[in-house]
């Protein structure tokens, strides 16, 4: 595996195919493996910056929004939207229940 590209998909833990150039696509769930890993790392960093969140460790299976009071959850969502340049409507946000689903949503919109 090339440096910086995970050997497993951060969302479904499937073995990653050897990347020839750029971001390999997960054969099991179809996300860009490097991009999904980057988004998960950003969420983990945001969680560390918001001590009001009730999440100890952010994983693909963590609930979305990340917890804490509603203001903290909104702050994290807005920070992620700003960081990625993507806006999510309240209607779309209501359909996201896990970090895995959030990463898939943002990964599709930032390709």
C-alpha atoms as a PDB file:
ATOM      1  CA  UNK A   1       0.000   0.000   0.000  1.00  0.00           C
ATOM      2  CA  UNK A   2       1.304   3.459  -0.761  1.00  0.00           C
ATOM      3  CA  UNK A   3       2.190   5.741   2.127  1.00  0.00           C
ATOM      4  CA  UNK A   4      -0.800   7.602   3.555  1.00  0.00           C
ATOM      5  CA  UNK A   5      -3.399   5.251   2.050  1.00  0.00           C
ATOM      6  CA  UNK A   6      -5.010   3.008   4.674  1.00  0.00           C
ATOM      7  CA  UNK A   7      -4.808  -0.744   4.163  1.00  0.00           C
ATOM      8  CA  UNK A   8      -8.420  -1.124   5.321  1.00  0.00           C
ATOM      9  CA  UNK A   9     -11.536   0.916   4.648  1.00  0.00           C
ATOM     10  CA  UNK A  10     -12.200   3.154   7.674  1.00  0.00           C
ATOM     11  CA  UNK A  11     -15.962   2.714   7.229  1.00  0.00           C
ATOM     12  CA  UNK A  12     -16.470  -1.015   6.684  1.00  0.00           C
ATOM     13  CA  UNK A  13     -12.989  -2.439   7.477  1.00  0.00           C
ATOM     14  CA  UNK A  14     -12.750  -4.232   4.123  1.00  0.00           C
ATOM     15  CA  UNK A  15      -9.253  -4.781   2.778  1.00  0.00           C
ATOM     16  CA  UNK A  16      -8.293  -1.931   0.501  1.00  0.00           C
ATOM     17  CA  UNK A  17      -7.161  -2.700  -3.033  1.00  0.00           C
ATOM     18  CA  UNK A  18      -3.676  -1.613  -3.967  1.00  0.00           C
ATOM     19  CA  UNK A  19      -3.932   2.033  -5.023  1.00  0.00           C
ATOM     20  CA  UNK A  20      -2.302   2.723  -8.333  1.00  0.00           C
ATOM     21  CA  UNK A  21      -2.756   6.475  -8.166  1.00  0.00           C
ATOM     22  CA  UNK A  22      -4.841   8.685  -5.940  1.00  0.00           C
ATOM     23  CA  UNK A  23      -7.646   7.285  -3.871  1.00  0.00           C
ATOM     24  CA  UNK A  24      -8.589   3.599  -4.132  1.00  0.00           C
ATOM     25  CA  UNK A  25     -12.278   2.752  -3.984  1.00  0.00           C
ATOM     26  CA  UNK A  26     -13.425   0.308  -1.328  1.00  0.00           C
ATOM     27  CA  UNK A  27     -14.675  -2.856  -3.046  1.00  0.00           C
ATOM     28  CA  UNK A  28     -17.273  -3.423  -0.303  1.00  0.00           C
ATOM     29  CA  UNK A  29     -18.873  -0.018   0.310  1.00  0.00           C
ATOM     30  CA  UNK A  30     -17.669   2.062  -2.628  1.00  0.00           C
ATOM     31  CA  UNK A  31     -16.157   5.046  -0.806  1.00  0.00           C
ATOM     32  CA  UNK A  32     -12.806   6.576  -1.604  1.00  0.00           C
ATOM     33  CA  UNK A  33     -10.687   5.004   1.131  1.00  0.00           C
ATOM     34  CA  UNK A  34      -8.163   7.816   1.584  1.00  0.00           C
ATOM     35  CA  UNK A  35     -10.904  10.466   1.469  1.00  0.00           C
ATOM     36  CA  UNK A  36     -13.046   8.592   4.012  1.00  0.00           C
ATOM     37  CA  UNK A  37     -10.024   8.259   6.311  1.00  0.00           C
ATOM     38  CA  UNK A  38      -9.369  11.994   5.959  1.00  0.00           C
ATOM     39  CA  UNK A  39     -12.982  12.852   6.802  1.00  0.00           C
ATOM     40  CA  UNK A  40     -12.951  10.541   9.827  1.00  0.00           C
ATOM     41  CA  UNK A  41      -9.728  12.204  11.030  1.00  0.00           C
ATOM     42  CA  UNK A  42     -11.346  15.646  10.643  1.00  0.00           C
ATOM     43  CA  UNK A  43     -14.343  14.534  12.700  1.00  0.00           C
ATOM     44  CA  UNK A  44     -12.045  13.124  15.377  1.00  0.00           C
ATOM     45  CA  UNK A  45     -10.164  16.437  15.510  1.00  0.00           C
ATOM     46  CA  UNK A  46     -13.427  18.420  15.722  1.00  0.00           C
ATOM     47  CA  UNK A  47     -14.610  16.171  18.552  1.00  0.00           C
ATOM     48  CA  UNK A  48     -11.417  16.890  20.494  1.00  0.00           C
ATOM     49  CA  UNK A  49     -11.988  20.632  20.054  1.00  0.00           C
ATOM     50  CA  UNK A  50     -15.520  20.409  21.511  1.00  0.00           C
ATOM     51  CA  UNK A  51     -15.277  19.050  25.054  1.00  0.00           C
ATOM     52  CA  UNK A  52     -19.076  19.224  25.386  1.00  0.00           C
ATOM     53  CA  UNK A  53     -19.454  16.171  23.163  1.00  0.00           C
ATOM     54  CA  UNK A  54     -20.294  12.947  24.960  1.00  0.00           C
ATOM     55  CA  UNK A  55     -18.255  10.824  22.543  1.00  0.00           C
ATOM     56  CA  UNK A  56     -14.966   9.470  23.873  1.00  0.00           C
ATOM     57  CA  UNK A  57     -13.759   8.093  20.535  1.00  0.00           C
ATOM     58  CA  UNK A  58     -15.195   8.886  17.104  1.00  0.00           C
ATOM     59  CA  UNK A  59     -15.513   5.782  14.949  1.00  0.00           C
ATOM     60  CA  UNK A  60     -17.582   4.922  11.895  1.00  0.00           C
ATOM     61  CA  UNK A  61     -20.193   3.415  14.231  1.00  0.00           C
ATOM     62  CA  UNK A  62     -20.484   6.487  16.476  1.00  0.00           C
ATOM     63  CA  UNK A  63     -23.940   8.064  16.550  1.00  0.00           C
ATOM     64  CA  UNK A  64     -24.594  11.159  14.454  1.00  0.00           C
ATOM     65  CA  UNK A  65     -24.760  13.888  15.496  1.00  0.00           C
ATOM     66  CA  UNK A  66     -21.867  13.218  17.813  1.00  0.00           C
ATOM     67  CA  UNK A  67     -23.736  13.855  21.047  1.00  0.00           C
ATOM     68  CA  UNK A  68     -23.610  16.447  23.735  1.00  0.00           C
ATOM     69  CA  UNK A  69     -26.154  19.217  23.826  1.00  0.00           C
ATOM     70  CA  UNK A  70     -27.875  20.312  20.635  1.00  0.00           C
ATOM     71  CA  UNK A  71     -25.823  23.529  20.412  1.00  0.00           C
ATOM     72  CA  UNK A  72     -22.536  21.592  20.485  1.00  0.00           C
ATOM     73  CA  UNK A  73     -23.833  19.171  17.843  1.00  0.00           C
ATOM     74  CA  UNK A  74     -24.806  22.079  15.600  1.00  0.00           C
ATOM     75  CA  UNK A  75     -21.404  23.743  16.141  1.00  0.00           C
ATOM     76  CA  UNK A  76     -19.603  20.567  15.059  1.00  0.00           C
ATOM     77  CA  UNK A  77     -21.839  20.196  11.989  1.00  0.00           C
ATOM     78  CA  UNK A  78     -21.314  23.839  10.996  1.00  0.00           C
ATOM     79  CA  UNK A  79     -17.558  23.558  11.476  1.00  0.00           C
ATOM     80  CA  UNK A  80     -17.471  20.468   9.262  1.00  0.00           C
ATOM     81  CA  UNK A  81     -19.616  22.139   6.606  1.00  0.00           C
ATOM     82  CA  UNK A  82     -17.356  25.196   6.654  1.00  0.00           C
ATOM     83  CA  UNK A  83     -14.197  23.085   6.549  1.00  0.00           C
ATOM     84  CA  UNK A  84     -15.442  21.049   3.574  1.00  0.00           C
ATOM     85  CA  UNK A  85     -17.367  23.769   1.745  1.00  0.00           C
ATOM     86  CA  UNK A  86     -20.513  21.608   1.754  1.00  0.00           C
ATOM     87  CA  UNK A  87     -23.899  22.503   3.200  1.00  0.00           C
ATOM     88  CA  UNK A  88     -26.325  19.905   4.493  1.00  0.00           C
ATOM     89  CA  UNK A  89     -29.998  20.701   4.806  1.00  0.00           C
ATOM     90  CA  UNK A  90     -31.918  19.910   7.990  1.00  0.00           C
ATOM     91  CA  UNK A  91     -33.944  17.368   6.018  1.00  0.00           C
ATOM     92  CA  UNK A  92     -30.809  15.553   4.834  1.00  0.00           C
ATOM     93  CA  UNK A  93     -29.213  15.771   8.291  1.00  0.00           C
ATOM     94  CA  UNK A  94     -32.257  14.065   9.807  1.00  0.00           C
ATOM     95  CA  UNK A  95     -31.537  11.010   7.630  1.00  0.00           C
ATOM     96  CA  UNK A  96     -27.994  10.549   8.944  1.00  0.00           C
ATOM     97  CA  UNK A  97     -27.697   8.360  12.042  1.00  0.00           C
ATOM     98  CA  UNK A  98     -24.030   7.320  12.216  1.00  0.00           C
ATOM     99  CA  UNK A  99     -20.620   8.826  11.492  1.00  0.00           C
ATOM    100  CA  UNK A 100     -20.323   6.251   8.667  1.00  0.00           C
ATOM    101  CA  UNK A 101     -23.423   7.721   6.966  1.00  0.00           C
ATOM    102  CA  UNK A 102     -22.158  11.286   7.520  1.00  0.00           C
ATOM    103  CA  UNK A 103     -18.789  10.448   5.978  1.00  0.00           C
ATOM    104  CA  UNK A 104     -20.492   8.818   2.981  1.00  0.00           C
ATOM    105  CA  UNK A 105     -22.664  11.915   2.558  1.00  0.00           C
ATOM    106  CA  UNK A 106     -19.717  14.323   2.671  1.00  0.00           C
ATOM    107  CA  UNK A 107     -17.431  12.052   0.654  1.00  0.00           C
ATOM    108  CA  UNK A 108     -19.943  11.937  -2.232  1.00  0.00           C
ATOM    109  CA  UNK A 109     -20.291  15.715  -2.213  1.00  0.00           C
ATOM    110  CA  UNK A 110     -16.578  16.553  -2.059  1.00  0.00           C
ATOM    111  CA  UNK A 111     -15.211  14.322  -4.821  1.00  0.00           C
END
